[in-house]
Amino acid sequence: MGQFIHAIDDRLLSGEVDIAVHSAKDVPVDVDANIVSLAHLERGSTNDVVLMRRDDAVDSLDAMLAHNAAEPLASLLERFPTGATFGTVSGRRQSFLLSQRPDIIPLAVRGHVETRIRRLLEGRVDAVVLAEVGLRRLNSTGALDDLKGELSALRIAEEDWPTAPGQGSIAVHCLADRFEAMEDLRAVLNHPATEAAVLAERRLLKEAGGGCLYPAGIGVRGAKVRLKVSPENWRAIFCQGTSFTTFAYEGPLADVEL
């Protein structure tokens, strides 16, 4: 995703636009020194959701979006047979799935959310993993009306599946030398609690030596953090037929050491 962020920020640097708007989880940990974060909009859901073809024993997408209950990863995966295929290109999601169920087959399913859902409905995969916040936004605009009736959905418990750093938040960039001039806009847009959480998540991600593609889930709420990190070389370990373990921590943000 970094190339898309850079393409938009290049227009900011050239003076073509005054602000740049991004999904915070896709912003690289290092950006051009002439660009700063002006604001972070109030965060939406940070959960990931597993979508599957309609199953009467599982909530429909609409039903799941109407409540806040989440399912532990282990019991969620019990619904899928050996060798089930999951559509996701995310290293974080792939590694978390395989650390729990090495028999699962992650497949790269790319494109817009609607495209990924159509691949599921075509039978190319057994499930897709998507961010709940994106599903909510698309559902609110009616973009999923022709698809959601064929879907069941399971929300993954964050205890087993911490969020991607920045997920659920919108980041607004501006030129560093225009930050003070845009203070009034910042006052309208910025959500201080979201900003503090996202900046802390990005700091921890950088300390771990990773970027937006790094296999790490890091969720900050106030002074607490929940994180789960797969080995950077988890693919090589897995391809050798060896299991791998993830590092997990839940507790005070001030006590984290990566």
Protein backbone atom coordinates (compact mmCIF):
# COMPACT_ATOMS: atom_id res chain seq x y z
CA MET A 1 0.00 0.00 0.00
CA GLY A 2 2.97 2.31 0.51
CA GLN A 3 3.15 3.27 -3.16
CA PHE A 4 -0.41 4.63 -3.06
CA ILE A 5 0.37 6.69 0.04
CA HIS A 6 3.48 8.12 -1.62
CA ALA A 7 1.58 8.94 -4.81
CA ILE A 8 -0.93 11.03 -2.87
CA ASP A 9 1.66 12.63 -0.60
CA ASP A 10 3.70 13.59 -3.69
CA ARG A 11 0.79 15.80 -4.71
CA LEU A 12 0.92 17.36 -1.27
CA LEU A 13 4.63 18.08 -1.70
CA SER A 14 4.07 19.55 -5.16
CA GLY A 15 1.38 21.92 -3.88
CA GLU A 16 -1.42 20.34 -5.92
CA VAL A 17 -3.44 19.61 -2.77
CA ASP A 18 -3.55 21.13 0.73
CA ILE A 19 -4.14 17.92 2.68
CA ALA A 20 -3.84 14.20 2.00
CA VAL A 21 -6.25 11.65 3.47
CA HIS A 22 -5.17 8.06 4.13
CA SER A 23 -6.17 4.90 5.89
CA ALA A 24 -3.85 5.14 8.90
CA LYS A 25 -2.90 1.45 8.79
CA ASP A 26 -1.40 1.88 5.30
CA VAL A 27 0.86 4.82 6.17
CA PRO A 28 4.56 3.78 6.28
CA VAL A 29 6.26 4.21 9.64
CA ASP A 30 8.64 6.70 7.99
CA VAL A 31 7.25 9.49 5.83
CA ASP A 32 8.87 12.45 4.10
CA ALA A 33 10.31 14.90 6.65
CA ASN A 34 8.33 17.71 5.02
CA ILE A 35 5.03 15.99 5.82
CA VAL A 36 3.34 15.70 9.21
CA SER A 37 0.13 14.22 10.55
CA LEU A 38 -2.41 16.99 10.93
CA ALA A 39 -5.16 14.86 12.46
CA HIS A 40 -6.55 11.41 13.10
CA LEU A 41 -10.31 11.07 12.81
CA GLU A 42 -12.20 9.20 15.51
CA ARG A 43 -11.51 5.52 15.20
CA GLY A 44 -14.07 2.97 14.08
CA SER A 45 -14.00 -0.76 14.75
CA THR A 46 -10.55 -2.35 14.92
CA ASN A 47 -11.75 -5.95 14.53
CA ASP A 48 -11.22 -8.23 11.56
CA VAL A 49 -14.11 -10.28 10.21
CA VAL A 50 -14.19 -13.68 8.49
CA LEU A 51 -16.74 -13.78 5.68
CA MET A 52 -18.03 -17.09 4.35
CA ARG A 53 -20.77 -18.17 1.99
CA ARG A 54 -24.19 -18.14 3.64
CA ASP A 55 -24.57 -20.68 6.43
CA ASP A 56 -27.80 -20.69 8.45
CA ALA A 57 -25.82 -21.70 11.55
CA VAL A 58 -23.77 -18.48 11.37
CA ASP A 59 -24.91 -14.86 11.57
CA SER A 60 -25.56 -13.01 8.35
CA LEU A 61 -23.36 -9.97 7.76
CA ASP A 62 -26.18 -7.64 8.81
CA ALA A 63 -26.83 -9.65 11.98
CA MET A 64 -23.15 -9.61 12.94
CA LEU A 65 -22.89 -5.87 12.37
CA ALA A 66 -25.87 -5.37 14.70
CA HIS A 67 -24.05 -6.76 17.77
CA ASN A 68 -20.59 -6.57 19.31
CA ALA A 69 -19.98 -10.23 20.14
CA ALA A 70 -16.73 -11.76 18.89
CA GLU A 71 -15.61 -15.38 18.65
CA PRO A 72 -12.30 -16.84 19.85
CA LEU A 73 -10.06 -17.74 16.94
CA ALA A 74 -9.81 -21.43 17.84
CA SER A 75 -13.57 -22.03 17.91
CA LEU A 76 -14.09 -19.91 14.80
CA LEU A 77 -11.61 -22.02 12.84
CA GLU A 78 -13.29 -25.24 13.98
CA ARG A 79 -16.07 -24.34 11.54
CA PHE A 80 -13.71 -24.92 8.62
CA PRO A 81 -12.46 -28.28 7.30
CA THR A 82 -8.84 -29.36 6.96
CA GLY A 83 -7.21 -27.55 4.06
CA ALA A 84 -9.73 -24.71 4.01
CA THR A 85 -8.69 -21.76 1.85
CA PHE A 86 -8.68 -18.22 3.25
CA GLY A 87 -8.36 -15.20 1.01
CA THR A 88 -5.96 -12.58 2.38
CA VAL A 89 -2.70 -10.98 1.25
CA SER A 90 -1.84 -9.65 4.71
CA GLY A 91 1.21 -11.19 6.34
CA ARG A 92 -0.29 -10.49 9.76
CA ARG A 93 -3.50 -12.33 8.93
CA GLN A 94 -1.80 -15.21 7.14
CA SER A 95 0.69 -15.80 9.95
CA PHE A 96 -1.96 -15.62 12.68
CA LEU A 97 -4.09 -18.19 10.81
CA LEU A 98 -1.20 -20.60 10.25
CA SER A 99 0.09 -20.29 13.81
CA GLN A 100 -3.29 -21.63 14.94
CA ARG A 101 -4.08 -24.00 12.06
CA PRO A 102 -1.08 -25.02 9.91
CA ASP A 103 -3.37 -26.94 7.52
CA ILE A 104 -5.13 -23.78 6.34
CA ILE A 105 -4.19 -22.52 2.88
CA PRO A 106 -3.93 -18.70 2.61
CA LEU A 107 -4.51 -17.46 -0.93
CA ALA A 108 -3.87 -13.98 -2.28
CA VAL A 109 -7.21 -12.38 -3.10
CA ARG A 110 -6.67 -8.79 -4.20
CA GLY A 111 -8.80 -5.89 -5.30
CA HIS A 112 -11.60 -3.82 -3.81
CA VAL A 113 -13.64 -5.30 -0.99
CA GLU A 114 -16.50 -6.01 -3.39
CA THR A 115 -14.10 -7.86 -5.70
CA ARG A 116 -12.80 -10.01 -2.85
CA ILE A 117 -16.34 -10.86 -1.78
CA ARG A 118 -17.23 -11.89 -5.32
CA ARG A 119 -14.21 -14.22 -5.40
CA LEU A 120 -15.58 -15.83 -2.24
CA LEU A 121 -19.05 -16.20 -3.71
CA GLU A 122 -17.55 -17.68 -6.89
CA GLY A 123 -16.05 -20.44 -4.74
CA ARG A 124 -12.42 -19.52 -5.30
CA VAL A 125 -11.84 -19.54 -1.51
CA ASP A 126 -13.74 -20.79 1.52
CA ALA A 127 -13.45 -17.51 3.42
CA VAL A 128 -12.00 -14.03 3.22
CA VAL A 129 -10.66 -11.93 6.08
CA LEU A 130 -11.52 -8.23 5.97
CA ALA A 131 -11.51 -5.21 8.27
CA GLU A 132 -14.87 -4.65 9.92
CA VAL A 133 -14.56 -0.88 9.61
CA GLY A 134 -14.41 -1.12 5.80
CA LEU A 135 -17.41 -3.44 5.68
CA ARG A 136 -19.38 -1.03 7.86
CA ARG A 137 -18.55 1.95 5.66
CA LEU A 138 -19.49 0.13 2.45
CA ASN A 139 -22.65 -1.27 4.00
CA SER A 140 -23.73 2.20 5.09
CA THR A 141 -23.57 3.41 1.48
CA GLY A 142 -25.49 0.45 0.06
CA ALA A 143 -22.43 -0.85 -1.81
CA LEU A 144 -22.93 -4.35 -0.41
CA ASP A 145 -26.69 -4.60 -0.96
CA ASP A 146 -26.35 -6.99 -3.91
CA LEU A 147 -23.84 -9.24 -2.09
CA LYS A 148 -24.52 -9.37 1.63
CA GLY A 149 -27.57 -11.62 1.41
CA GLU A 150 -25.25 -14.44 0.34
CA LEU A 151 -22.81 -13.93 3.22
CA SER A 152 -22.31 -15.11 6.78
CA ALA A 153 -19.86 -13.33 9.05
CA LEU A 154 -17.80 -14.01 12.18
CA ARG A 155 -16.01 -11.30 14.15
CA ILE A 156 -12.60 -12.42 15.45
CA ALA A 157 -11.93 -11.73 19.13
CA GLU A 158 -9.18 -9.14 19.53
CA GLU A 159 -7.69 -11.15 22.41
CA ASP A 160 -6.53 -13.64 19.75
CA TRP A 161 -6.17 -11.25 16.85
CA PRO A 162 -4.89 -7.75 17.70
CA THR A 163 -5.54 -5.07 15.14
CA ALA A 164 -3.13 -3.87 12.49
CA PRO A 165 -1.51 -0.66 13.80
CA GLY A 166 -3.73 2.26 12.83
CA GLN A 167 -6.62 0.11 11.57
CA GLY A 168 -9.99 1.82 11.80
CA SER A 169 -8.58 5.35 11.71
CA ILE A 170 -8.25 7.97 8.98
CA ALA A 171 -4.99 9.96 8.95
CA VAL A 172 -4.81 13.46 7.50
CA HIS A 173 -1.42 14.76 6.34
CA CYS A 174 -0.29 18.30 5.62
CA LEU A 175 3.01 20.03 4.92
CA ALA A 176 5.06 20.58 8.06
CA ASP A 177 5.41 24.29 7.37
CA ARG A 178 1.62 24.67 7.14
CA PHE A 179 0.75 22.82 10.33
CA GLU A 180 0.24 25.95 12.44
CA ALA A 181 -1.85 27.61 9.72
CA MET A 182 -4.17 24.58 9.76
CA GLU A 183 -4.70 24.46 13.54
CA ASP A 184 -8.39 25.38 13.12
CA LEU A 185 -8.92 22.44 10.78
CA ARG A 186 -7.04 20.17 13.18
CA ALA A 187 -9.32 21.28 16.01
CA VAL A 188 -12.34 20.14 14.00
CA LEU A 189 -10.94 16.86 12.65
CA ASN A 190 -8.63 15.46 15.30
CA HIS A 191 -9.73 12.92 17.91
CA PRO A 192 -7.07 13.06 20.64
CA ALA A 193 -7.62 9.54 22.03
CA THR A 194 -7.43 8.04 18.54
CA GLU A 195 -4.34 10.06 17.70
CA ALA A 196 -2.57 8.96 20.88
CA ALA A 197 -3.44 5.29 20.28
CA VAL A 198 -2.41 5.26 16.61
CA LEU A 199 0.86 7.10 17.25
CA ALA A 200 1.70 4.63 20.05
CA GLU A 201 0.92 1.66 17.78
CA ARG A 202 3.11 3.09 15.02
CA ARG A 203 5.93 3.73 17.50
CA LEU A 204 5.83 0.12 18.68
CA LEU A 205 5.73 -1.13 15.10
CA LYS A 206 8.82 0.92 14.28
CA GLU A 207 10.60 -0.34 17.41
CA ALA A 208 9.89 -3.89 16.23
CA GLY A 209 11.63 -3.02 12.98
CA GLY A 210 8.54 -3.36 10.84
CA GLY A 211 6.37 -1.45 8.42
CA CYS A 212 2.73 -1.71 7.35
CA LEU A 213 3.40 -5.21 5.91
CA TYR A 214 5.06 -6.51 9.08
CA PRO A 215 3.31 -9.55 10.70
CA ALA A 216 2.28 -7.70 13.86
CA GLY A 217 -0.99 -6.86 15.53
CA ILE A 218 -0.78 -3.94 17.96
CA GLY A 219 -3.84 -2.45 19.62
CA VAL A 220 -3.56 0.42 22.12
CA ARG A 221 -6.42 1.57 24.34
CA GLY A 222 -5.45 4.32 26.74
CA ALA A 223 -2.54 3.08 28.87
CA LYS A 224 -3.02 -0.57 27.85
CA VAL A 225 -1.73 -2.46 24.82
CA ARG A 226 -2.45 -5.83 23.28
CA LEU A 227 0.03 -7.14 20.76
CA LYS A 228 0.91 -10.27 18.86
CA VAL A 229 3.96 -10.55 16.61
CA SER A 230 4.93 -13.39 14.30
CA PRO A 231 8.58 -14.06 13.44
CA GLU A 232 9.67 -11.85 10.55
CA ASN A 233 10.76 -15.01 8.69
CA TRP A 234 7.58 -16.96 9.50
CA ARG A 235 7.09 -17.91 5.84
CA ALA A 236 10.53 -19.53 5.61
CA ILE A 237 9.96 -21.40 8.89
CA PHE A 238 6.55 -22.63 7.76
CA CYS A 239 7.80 -23.71 4.32
CA GLN A 240 10.39 -25.92 6.04
CA GLY A 241 7.53 -27.82 7.67
CA THR A 242 8.27 -26.35 11.08
CA SER A 243 5.72 -24.72 13.34
CA PHE A 244 6.33 -21.22 14.61
CA THR A 245 5.18 -19.35 17.68
CA THR A 246 4.00 -15.78 18.04
CA PHE A 247 5.06 -13.33 20.72
CA ALA A 248 2.06 -12.04 22.65
CA TYR A 249 1.69 -9.38 25.32
CA GLU A 250 -1.23 -7.72 27.04
CA GLY A 251 -0.70 -5.14 29.76
CA PRO A 252 0.59 -1.63 30.50
CA LEU A 253 1.86 0.24 27.46
CA ALA A 254 4.76 1.61 29.48
CA ASP A 255 6.09 -1.90 30.16
CA VAL A 256 6.36 -3.11 26.54
CA GLU A 257 9.82 -4.08 25.32
CA LEU A 258 10.27 -5.15 21.69
